[in-house]
Amino acid sequence: MKLVGKRNIHVELPKASYVKLKIASFERQLTTQDVFAGFTAMIAKQDEKAFQLLDELALMKHKGTLQRHVEGQEMSDVDRELLYDMMEQGAKP
């Protein structure tokens, strides 16, 4: 069976996590779409690093530390400046 086409997903992220993702992606000239598409491609190709990350996330979830890991994080002045710069540039890499 051949799978073709694309699927849309909706993901809710804590605001602090989302900002960090946008900044890290922007600094590497990636879009958020690039990051998710790349990670899922790594999983599809059975990439060991991707599965190590999934295992780490599963362990954090099991311990109840996954959400607490990002909640309540403060943005640094550098993060604020980078986010402002991204907004000025239209958040395009």
C-alpha atoms as a PDB file:
ATOM      1  CA  MET A   1       0.000   0.000   0.000  1.00  0.00           C
ATOM      2  CA  LYS A   2       1.369   3.373  -0.993  1.00  0.00           C
ATOM      3  CA  LEU A   3       0.526   6.384   1.174  1.00  0.00           C
ATOM      4  CA  VAL A   4       0.337   9.681  -0.677  1.00  0.00           C
ATOM      5  CA  GLY A   5      -0.810  13.168   0.178  1.00  0.00           C
ATOM      6  CA  LYS A   6      -0.385  15.154   3.343  1.00  0.00           C
ATOM      7  CA  ARG A   7      -2.024  15.310   6.759  1.00  0.00           C
ATOM      8  CA  ASN A   8      -2.639  18.458   8.777  1.00  0.00           C
ATOM      9  CA  ILE A   9      -2.118  18.458  12.521  1.00  0.00           C
ATOM     10  CA  HIS A  10      -2.972  20.887  15.270  1.00  0.00           C
ATOM     11  CA  VAL A  11      -0.585  21.050  18.220  1.00  0.00           C
ATOM     12  CA  GLU A  12      -1.043  23.022  21.427  1.00  0.00           C
ATOM     13  CA  LEU A  13       2.229  24.075  23.030  1.00  0.00           C
ATOM     14  CA  PRO A  14       2.995  26.058  26.162  1.00  0.00           C
ATOM     15  CA  LYS A  15       3.765  29.632  25.146  1.00  0.00           C
ATOM     16  CA  ALA A  16       7.336  29.471  26.486  1.00  0.00           C
ATOM     17  CA  SER A  17       8.029  26.298  24.482  1.00  0.00           C
ATOM     18  CA  TYR A  18       6.553  27.784  21.338  1.00  0.00           C
ATOM     19  CA  VAL A  19       8.696  30.917  21.597  1.00  0.00           C
ATOM     20  CA  LYS A  20      11.839  28.839  22.173  1.00  0.00           C
ATOM     21  CA  LEU A  21      10.971  26.645  19.176  1.00  0.00           C
ATOM     22  CA  LYS A  22      10.393  29.667  16.938  1.00  0.00           C
ATOM     23  CA  ILE A  23      13.672  31.279  17.995  1.00  0.00           C
ATOM     24  CA  ALA A  24      15.735  28.091  17.651  1.00  0.00           C
ATOM     25  CA  SER A  25      14.197  27.418  14.231  1.00  0.00           C
ATOM     26  CA  PHE A  26      14.656  30.999  13.041  1.00  0.00           C
ATOM     27  CA  GLU A  27      18.315  31.019  14.074  1.00  0.00           C
ATOM     28  CA  ARG A  28      18.829  28.006  11.815  1.00  0.00           C
ATOM     29  CA  GLN A  29      16.782  29.470   8.946  1.00  0.00           C
ATOM     30  CA  LEU A  30      14.073  26.840   9.451  1.00  0.00           C
ATOM     31  CA  THR A  31      10.333  27.216   9.719  1.00  0.00           C
ATOM     32  CA  THR A  32       8.302  25.379  12.332  1.00  0.00           C
ATOM     33  CA  GLN A  33       6.950  23.295   9.429  1.00  0.00           C
ATOM     34  CA  ASP A  34      10.543  22.348   8.503  1.00  0.00           C
ATOM     35  CA  VAL A  35      11.208  21.175  12.057  1.00  0.00           C
ATOM     36  CA  PHE A  36       8.109  18.979  12.329  1.00  0.00           C
ATOM     37  CA  ALA A  37       8.485  17.619   8.781  1.00  0.00           C
ATOM     38  CA  GLY A  38      12.157  16.847   9.378  1.00  0.00           C
ATOM     39  CA  PHE A  39      11.514  15.107  12.687  1.00  0.00           C
ATOM     40  CA  THR A  40       8.734  12.967  11.256  1.00  0.00           C
ATOM     41  CA  ALA A  41      10.947  12.076   8.275  1.00  0.00           C
ATOM     42  CA  MET A  42      13.657  10.969  10.730  1.00  0.00           C
ATOM     43  CA  ILE A  43      11.130   8.744  12.501  1.00  0.00           C
ATOM     44  CA  ALA A  44       9.935   7.290   9.194  1.00  0.00           C
ATOM     45  CA  LYS A  45      13.563   6.465   8.321  1.00  0.00           C
ATOM     46  CA  GLN A  46      14.042   4.772  11.727  1.00  0.00           C
ATOM     47  CA  ASP A  47      16.701   7.329  12.729  1.00  0.00           C
ATOM     48  CA  GLU A  48      18.280   6.316  16.041  1.00  0.00           C
ATOM     49  CA  LYS A  49      18.579   9.902  17.347  1.00  0.00           C
ATOM     50  CA  ALA A  50      14.871  10.550  16.761  1.00  0.00           C
ATOM     51  CA  PHE A  51      13.929   7.399  18.669  1.00  0.00           C
ATOM     52  CA  GLN A  52      16.303   8.291  21.515  1.00  0.00           C
ATOM     53  CA  LEU A  53      14.494  11.627  21.818  1.00  0.00           C
ATOM     54  CA  LEU A  54      11.108   9.888  21.772  1.00  0.00           C
ATOM     55  CA  ASP A  55      12.302   7.503  24.503  1.00  0.00           C
ATOM     56  CA  GLU A  56      13.504  10.448  26.608  1.00  0.00           C
ATOM     57  CA  LEU A  57      10.160  12.237  26.174  1.00  0.00           C
ATOM     58  CA  ALA A  58       8.239   9.064  27.066  1.00  0.00           C
ATOM     59  CA  LEU A  59      10.304   8.712  30.251  1.00  0.00           C
ATOM     60  CA  MET A  60       9.673  12.357  31.171  1.00  0.00           C
ATOM     61  CA  LYS A  61       5.947  11.876  30.565  1.00  0.00           C
ATOM     62  CA  HIS A  62       5.909   8.719  32.689  1.00  0.00           C
ATOM     63  CA  LYS A  63       7.664  10.588  35.525  1.00  0.00           C
ATOM     64  CA  GLY A  64       5.262  13.510  35.176  1.00  0.00           C
ATOM     65  CA  THR A  65       8.045  15.966  34.364  1.00  0.00           C
ATOM     66  CA  LEU A  66       7.336  16.614  30.690  1.00  0.00           C
ATOM     67  CA  GLN A  67       4.989  19.593  31.149  1.00  0.00           C
ATOM     68  CA  ARG A  68       6.783  20.944  34.214  1.00  0.00           C
ATOM     69  CA  HIS A  69       9.994  21.019  32.201  1.00  0.00           C
ATOM     70  CA  VAL A  70       8.773  24.038  30.239  1.00  0.00           C
ATOM     71  CA  GLU A  71       6.066  25.666  32.349  1.00  0.00           C
ATOM     72  CA  GLY A  72       6.954  28.880  34.068  1.00  0.00           C
ATOM     73  CA  GLN A  73      10.068  29.569  32.020  1.00  0.00           C
ATOM     74  CA  GLU A  74      10.908  33.221  31.720  1.00  0.00           C
ATOM     75  CA  MET A  75      12.076  34.752  28.487  1.00  0.00           C
ATOM     76  CA  SER A  76      15.500  36.296  28.638  1.00  0.00           C
ATOM     77  CA  ASP A  77      16.217  39.740  27.218  1.00  0.00           C
ATOM     78  CA  VAL A  78      18.011  38.038  24.309  1.00  0.00           C
ATOM     79  CA  ASP A  79      14.927  35.885  23.627  1.00  0.00           C
ATOM     80  CA  ARG A  80      12.736  38.972  23.634  1.00  0.00           C
ATOM     81  CA  GLU A  81      15.038  40.783  21.218  1.00  0.00           C
ATOM     82  CA  LEU A  82      15.216  37.784  18.873  1.00  0.00           C
ATOM     83  CA  LEU A  83      11.456  37.393  18.932  1.00  0.00           C
ATOM     84  CA  TYR A  84      11.000  41.104  18.222  1.00  0.00           C
ATOM     85  CA  ASP A  85      13.476  40.885  15.325  1.00  0.00           C
ATOM     86  CA  MET A  86      11.599  37.869  13.943  1.00  0.00           C
ATOM     87  CA  MET A  87       8.316  39.726  14.131  1.00  0.00           C
ATOM     88  CA  GLU A  88       9.825  42.716  12.306  1.00  0.00           C
ATOM     89  CA  GLN A  89      11.078  40.423   9.536  1.00  0.00           C
ATOM     90  CA  GLY A  90       7.768  38.623   9.258  1.00  0.00           C
ATOM     91  CA  ALA A  91       9.201  35.467  10.894  1.00  0.00           C
ATOM     92  CA  LYS A  92      10.545  34.247   7.559  1.00  0.00           C
ATOM     93  CA  PRO A  93      13.978  32.606   7.472  1.00  0.00           C
END
